[in-house]
N, C-alpha and C. Protein backbone atom coordinates (compact mmCIF):
# COMPACT_ATOMS: atom_id res chain seq x y z
N MET A 1 122.70 88.07 111.85
CA MET A 1 122.28 87.80 110.48
C MET A 1 123.42 88.22 109.54
N THR A 2 123.70 87.37 108.57
CA THR A 2 124.76 87.68 107.61
C THR A 2 124.25 88.63 106.54
N ARG A 3 125.16 89.20 105.80
CA ARG A 3 124.79 90.08 104.69
C ARG A 3 123.95 89.32 103.66
N ARG A 4 124.35 88.10 103.38
CA ARG A 4 123.61 87.27 102.43
C ARG A 4 122.18 87.05 102.91
N ASP A 5 122.04 86.65 104.18
CA ASP A 5 120.71 86.41 104.74
C ASP A 5 119.85 87.68 104.68
N ALA A 6 120.47 88.82 104.98
CA ALA A 6 119.74 90.08 104.94
C ALA A 6 119.29 90.41 103.52
N LEU A 7 120.15 90.16 102.53
CA LEU A 7 119.76 90.41 101.13
C LEU A 7 118.63 89.48 100.70
N VAL A 8 118.68 88.24 101.11
CA VAL A 8 117.58 87.31 100.80
C VAL A 8 116.29 87.81 101.43
N SER A 9 116.39 88.32 102.66
CA SER A 9 115.20 88.85 103.34
C SER A 9 114.68 90.12 102.66
N VAL A 10 115.58 90.95 102.14
CA VAL A 10 115.17 92.13 101.37
C VAL A 10 114.37 91.69 100.15
N ILE A 11 114.86 90.69 99.46
CA ILE A 11 114.18 90.17 98.27
C ILE A 11 112.79 89.63 98.64
N GLU A 12 112.70 88.89 99.73
CA GLU A 12 111.40 88.39 100.17
C GLU A 12 110.45 89.53 100.51
N ALA A 13 110.97 90.57 101.17
CA ALA A 13 110.14 91.72 101.51
C ALA A 13 109.68 92.46 100.24
N LEU A 14 110.54 92.53 99.24
CA LEU A 14 110.16 93.18 97.98
C LEU A 14 109.06 92.38 97.27
N HIS A 15 109.15 91.07 97.32
CA HIS A 15 108.07 90.25 96.76
C HIS A 15 106.76 90.53 97.49
N ALA A 16 106.84 90.67 98.81
CA ALA A 16 105.65 90.98 99.60
C ALA A 16 105.11 92.36 99.26
N GLU A 17 106.00 93.32 99.02
CA GLU A 17 105.56 94.66 98.61
C GLU A 17 104.81 94.61 97.28
N ILE A 18 105.36 93.88 96.34
CA ILE A 18 104.71 93.76 95.02
C ILE A 18 103.33 93.13 95.17
N ALA A 19 103.23 92.07 95.95
CA ALA A 19 101.93 91.42 96.16
C ALA A 19 100.96 92.40 96.81
N ALA A 20 101.42 93.17 97.78
CA ALA A 20 100.55 94.14 98.45
C ALA A 20 100.12 95.25 97.49
N LEU A 21 101.02 95.70 96.64
CA LEU A 21 100.66 96.72 95.66
C LEU A 21 99.61 96.17 94.68
N LYS A 22 99.80 94.95 94.23
CA LYS A 22 98.85 94.35 93.29
C LYS A 22 97.46 94.21 93.89
N SER A 23 97.40 93.93 95.20
CA SER A 23 96.11 93.70 95.85
C SER A 23 95.59 94.93 96.58
N ASN A 24 96.32 96.05 96.48
CA ASN A 24 95.94 97.29 97.18
C ASN A 24 95.79 97.08 98.68
N ASP A 25 96.63 96.26 99.26
CA ASP A 25 96.61 95.97 100.70
C ASP A 25 97.60 96.91 101.39
N VAL A 26 97.09 98.02 101.90
CA VAL A 26 97.94 99.05 102.49
C VAL A 26 98.66 98.54 103.73
N ALA A 27 97.97 97.79 104.57
CA ALA A 27 98.59 97.28 105.80
C ALA A 27 99.75 96.33 105.46
N ALA A 28 99.55 95.46 104.49
CA ALA A 28 100.61 94.53 104.08
C ALA A 28 101.76 95.28 103.44
N LEU A 29 101.45 96.33 102.69
CA LEU A 29 102.50 97.14 102.07
C LEU A 29 103.35 97.82 103.14
N GLU A 30 102.70 98.35 104.15
CA GLU A 30 103.43 99.01 105.23
C GLU A 30 104.33 98.02 105.96
N ARG A 31 103.82 96.83 106.26
CA ARG A 31 104.62 95.80 106.94
C ARG A 31 105.83 95.40 106.11
N ALA A 32 105.59 95.14 104.83
CA ALA A 32 106.68 94.70 103.95
C ALA A 32 107.74 95.79 103.81
N THR A 33 107.30 97.03 103.71
CA THR A 33 108.24 98.14 103.56
C THR A 33 109.09 98.29 104.82
N GLN A 34 108.47 98.20 105.99
CA GLN A 34 109.22 98.30 107.25
C GLN A 34 110.23 97.16 107.36
N GLU A 35 109.82 95.96 106.98
CA GLU A 35 110.73 94.82 107.02
C GLU A 35 111.91 95.05 106.07
N LYS A 36 111.60 95.51 104.87
CA LYS A 36 112.65 95.77 103.88
C LYS A 36 113.65 96.77 104.41
N LEU A 37 113.16 97.86 104.98
CA LEU A 37 114.05 98.89 105.50
C LEU A 37 114.94 98.36 106.63
N GLY A 38 114.37 97.52 107.48
CA GLY A 38 115.17 96.93 108.55
C GLY A 38 116.27 96.04 108.01
N TYR A 39 115.93 95.22 107.02
CA TYR A 39 116.93 94.35 106.43
C TYR A 39 117.99 95.14 105.65
N LEU A 40 117.59 96.25 105.05
CA LEU A 40 118.57 97.08 104.36
C LEU A 40 119.58 97.67 105.35
N ASP A 41 119.11 98.02 106.55
CA ASP A 41 120.03 98.48 107.59
C ASP A 41 121.04 97.40 107.94
N THR A 42 120.57 96.15 107.99
CA THR A 42 121.47 95.03 108.29
C THR A 42 122.49 94.86 107.17
N VAL A 43 122.04 94.96 105.93
CA VAL A 43 122.96 94.87 104.80
C VAL A 43 124.01 95.97 104.91
N ALA A 44 123.58 97.18 105.21
CA ALA A 44 124.50 98.32 105.30
C ALA A 44 125.52 98.13 106.43
N ALA A 45 125.13 97.45 107.49
CA ALA A 45 126.05 97.21 108.60
C ALA A 45 127.21 96.31 108.20
N HIS A 46 127.08 95.62 107.07
CA HIS A 46 128.13 94.73 106.58
C HIS A 46 128.89 95.34 105.40
N ASP A 47 128.81 96.64 105.23
CA ASP A 47 129.45 97.28 104.08
C ASP A 47 130.97 97.07 104.03
N HIS A 48 131.56 96.80 105.16
CA HIS A 48 133.01 96.61 105.21
C HIS A 48 133.45 95.26 104.65
N GLU A 49 132.51 94.37 104.44
CA GLU A 49 132.83 93.03 103.94
C GLU A 49 132.95 93.05 102.41
N PRO A 50 133.79 92.17 101.86
CA PRO A 50 133.92 92.12 100.40
C PRO A 50 132.62 91.63 99.74
N VAL A 51 132.40 92.09 98.52
CA VAL A 51 131.21 91.69 97.77
C VAL A 51 131.58 90.51 96.88
N THR A 52 130.92 89.40 97.13
CA THR A 52 131.14 88.19 96.34
C THR A 52 130.21 88.22 95.13
N PRO A 53 130.48 87.38 94.14
CA PRO A 53 129.55 87.30 93.00
C PRO A 53 128.12 86.94 93.43
N GLU A 54 127.98 86.07 94.44
CA GLU A 54 126.64 85.71 94.92
C GLU A 54 125.94 86.93 95.52
N LEU A 55 126.65 87.71 96.33
CA LEU A 55 126.07 88.91 96.93
C LEU A 55 125.69 89.93 95.87
N ARG A 56 126.56 90.07 94.87
CA ARG A 56 126.26 91.00 93.77
C ARG A 56 124.99 90.58 93.04
N GLY A 57 124.85 89.28 92.80
CA GLY A 57 123.64 88.77 92.14
C GLY A 57 122.39 89.01 92.97
N LEU A 58 122.48 88.81 94.29
CA LEU A 58 121.34 89.08 95.16
C LEU A 58 120.98 90.56 95.17
N ALA A 59 122.00 91.40 95.21
CA ALA A 59 121.76 92.84 95.20
C ALA A 59 121.12 93.27 93.87
N GLU A 60 121.56 92.70 92.77
CA GLU A 60 120.96 93.01 91.47
C GLU A 60 119.51 92.56 91.41
N GLU A 61 119.20 91.40 91.96
CA GLU A 61 117.81 90.93 92.00
C GLU A 61 116.96 91.87 92.84
N ALA A 62 117.49 92.29 93.99
CA ALA A 62 116.76 93.24 94.84
C ALA A 62 116.51 94.55 94.09
N HIS A 63 117.49 94.99 93.34
CA HIS A 63 117.34 96.23 92.56
C HIS A 63 116.23 96.07 91.52
N ARG A 64 116.21 94.95 90.81
CA ARG A 64 115.17 94.71 89.80
C ARG A 64 113.78 94.71 90.44
N LEU A 65 113.66 94.05 91.57
CA LEU A 65 112.36 94.00 92.25
C LEU A 65 111.95 95.38 92.75
N ASN A 66 112.91 96.16 93.24
CA ASN A 66 112.60 97.51 93.69
C ASN A 66 112.12 98.36 92.52
N GLU A 67 112.72 98.18 91.36
CA GLU A 67 112.28 98.91 90.17
C GLU A 67 110.85 98.52 89.79
N THR A 68 110.52 97.25 89.96
CA THR A 68 109.15 96.80 89.71
C THR A 68 108.19 97.50 90.65
N CYS A 69 108.56 97.61 91.92
CA CYS A 69 107.72 98.33 92.90
C CYS A 69 107.54 99.78 92.48
N ARG A 70 108.63 100.41 92.05
CA ARG A 70 108.57 101.81 91.64
C ARG A 70 107.62 101.99 90.46
N ILE A 71 107.66 101.08 89.52
CA ILE A 71 106.77 101.15 88.34
C ILE A 71 105.31 101.02 88.77
N TYR A 72 105.02 100.07 89.66
CA TYR A 72 103.65 99.92 90.16
C TYR A 72 103.16 101.21 90.82
N VAL A 73 103.99 101.80 91.66
CA VAL A 73 103.61 103.03 92.36
C VAL A 73 103.38 104.15 91.36
N ASN A 74 104.25 104.28 90.37
CA ASN A 74 104.07 105.32 89.35
C ASN A 74 102.79 105.13 88.56
N LEU A 75 102.47 103.89 88.22
CA LEU A 75 101.23 103.61 87.49
C LEU A 75 100.01 103.94 88.35
N MET A 76 100.06 103.58 89.63
CA MET A 76 98.96 103.88 90.53
C MET A 76 98.79 105.40 90.66
N SER A 77 99.88 106.13 90.77
CA SER A 77 99.81 107.59 90.87
C SER A 77 99.21 108.20 89.61
N ALA A 78 99.59 107.67 88.47
CA ALA A 78 99.05 108.18 87.20
C ALA A 78 97.55 107.91 87.12
N ASN A 79 97.11 106.75 87.59
CA ASN A 79 95.68 106.44 87.58
C ASN A 79 94.91 107.38 88.50
N VAL A 80 95.46 107.67 89.67
CA VAL A 80 94.80 108.60 90.59
C VAL A 80 94.74 110.00 89.97
N ARG A 81 95.83 110.42 89.33
CA ARG A 81 95.86 111.73 88.68
C ARG A 81 94.76 111.82 87.63
N ARG A 82 94.63 110.77 86.81
CA ARG A 82 93.58 110.77 85.77
C ARG A 82 92.18 110.82 86.38
N ARG A 83 91.97 110.09 87.46
CA ARG A 83 90.66 110.11 88.12
C ARG A 83 90.35 111.50 88.68
N LEU A 84 91.35 112.12 89.30
CA LEU A 84 91.14 113.46 89.85
C LEU A 84 90.87 114.47 88.75
N GLN A 85 91.58 114.35 87.63
CA GLN A 85 91.33 115.24 86.50
C GLN A 85 89.91 115.06 85.98
N ALA A 86 89.46 113.82 85.90
CA ALA A 86 88.10 113.57 85.42
C ALA A 86 87.08 114.16 86.39
N LEU A 87 87.31 114.01 87.68
CA LEU A 87 86.39 114.57 88.67
C LEU A 87 86.36 116.10 88.61
N ALA A 88 87.48 116.69 88.24
CA ALA A 88 87.57 118.15 88.15
C ALA A 88 87.09 118.65 86.79
N GLY A 89 86.70 117.73 85.90
CA GLY A 89 86.22 118.13 84.59
C GLY A 89 87.33 118.52 83.63
N GLU A 90 88.56 118.14 83.94
CA GLU A 90 89.69 118.44 83.06
C GLU A 90 89.86 117.33 82.04
N PRO A 91 90.41 117.66 80.88
CA PRO A 91 90.67 116.60 79.90
C PRO A 91 91.70 115.62 80.46
N ALA A 92 91.53 114.36 80.12
CA ALA A 92 92.38 113.31 80.69
C ALA A 92 93.64 113.06 79.89
N GLY A 93 93.85 113.72 78.76
CA GLY A 93 94.99 113.46 77.89
C GLY A 93 96.31 113.38 78.64
N GLY A 94 97.18 112.49 78.21
CA GLY A 94 98.46 112.30 78.88
C GLY A 94 99.52 113.29 78.45
N TYR A 95 99.39 113.86 77.25
CA TYR A 95 100.39 114.79 76.74
C TYR A 95 99.71 116.06 76.27
N ARG A 96 100.44 117.15 76.38
CA ARG A 96 99.95 118.43 75.86
C ARG A 96 101.13 119.14 75.20
N ALA A 97 100.85 119.96 74.24
CA ALA A 97 101.91 120.70 73.57
C ALA A 97 102.58 121.62 74.59
N ALA A 98 103.92 121.71 74.51
CA ALA A 98 104.66 122.57 75.42
C ALA A 98 105.91 123.08 74.72
N ALA A 99 106.21 124.35 74.92
CA ALA A 99 107.41 124.93 74.32
C ALA A 99 108.64 124.34 75.02
N GLY A 100 109.57 123.83 74.24
CA GLY A 100 110.83 123.36 74.78
C GLY A 100 110.77 122.02 75.48
N GLY A 101 109.62 121.38 75.53
CA GLY A 101 109.51 120.08 76.18
C GLY A 101 110.13 119.00 75.31
N PHE A 102 110.13 117.79 75.78
CA PHE A 102 110.68 116.68 75.03
C PHE A 102 109.90 116.52 73.74
N GLY A 103 110.53 116.75 72.63
CA GLY A 103 109.88 116.61 71.33
C GLY A 103 108.70 117.56 71.16
N GLY A 104 108.69 118.67 71.94
CA GLY A 104 107.59 119.61 71.85
C GLY A 104 106.40 119.24 72.72
N TYR A 105 106.54 118.19 73.53
CA TYR A 105 105.44 117.73 74.39
C TYR A 105 105.92 117.63 75.83
N ALA A 106 105.00 117.79 76.74
CA ALA A 106 105.29 117.62 78.17
C ALA A 106 104.17 116.78 78.77
N LEU A 107 104.47 116.09 79.84
CA LEU A 107 103.41 115.32 80.49
C LEU A 107 102.40 116.27 81.09
N ALA A 108 101.13 115.94 80.94
CA ALA A 108 100.05 116.77 81.50
C ALA A 108 99.87 116.48 82.96
């Protein structure tokens, strides 16, 4: 498999990860993540090759999609945190006053 083919496969796996995250399909998420990691190993095996503009564009697209996955995971974690706080009878507020925090506030 060429570096280009591996990058295209990484992008396809990232699309599958996003779809799995949206549908809360844990099995599909696990499959897509394993595929992505395998293809990333293939990309890394070609590190000695020069980076063409096409490869750079594919890598940038993969990076954007990975950031989308990260945002979904962070949002899901925040939702779980809020649910757990509600179950524990804690206030659900997202910010609380804190000394020295960003603008005087810290994430709760």
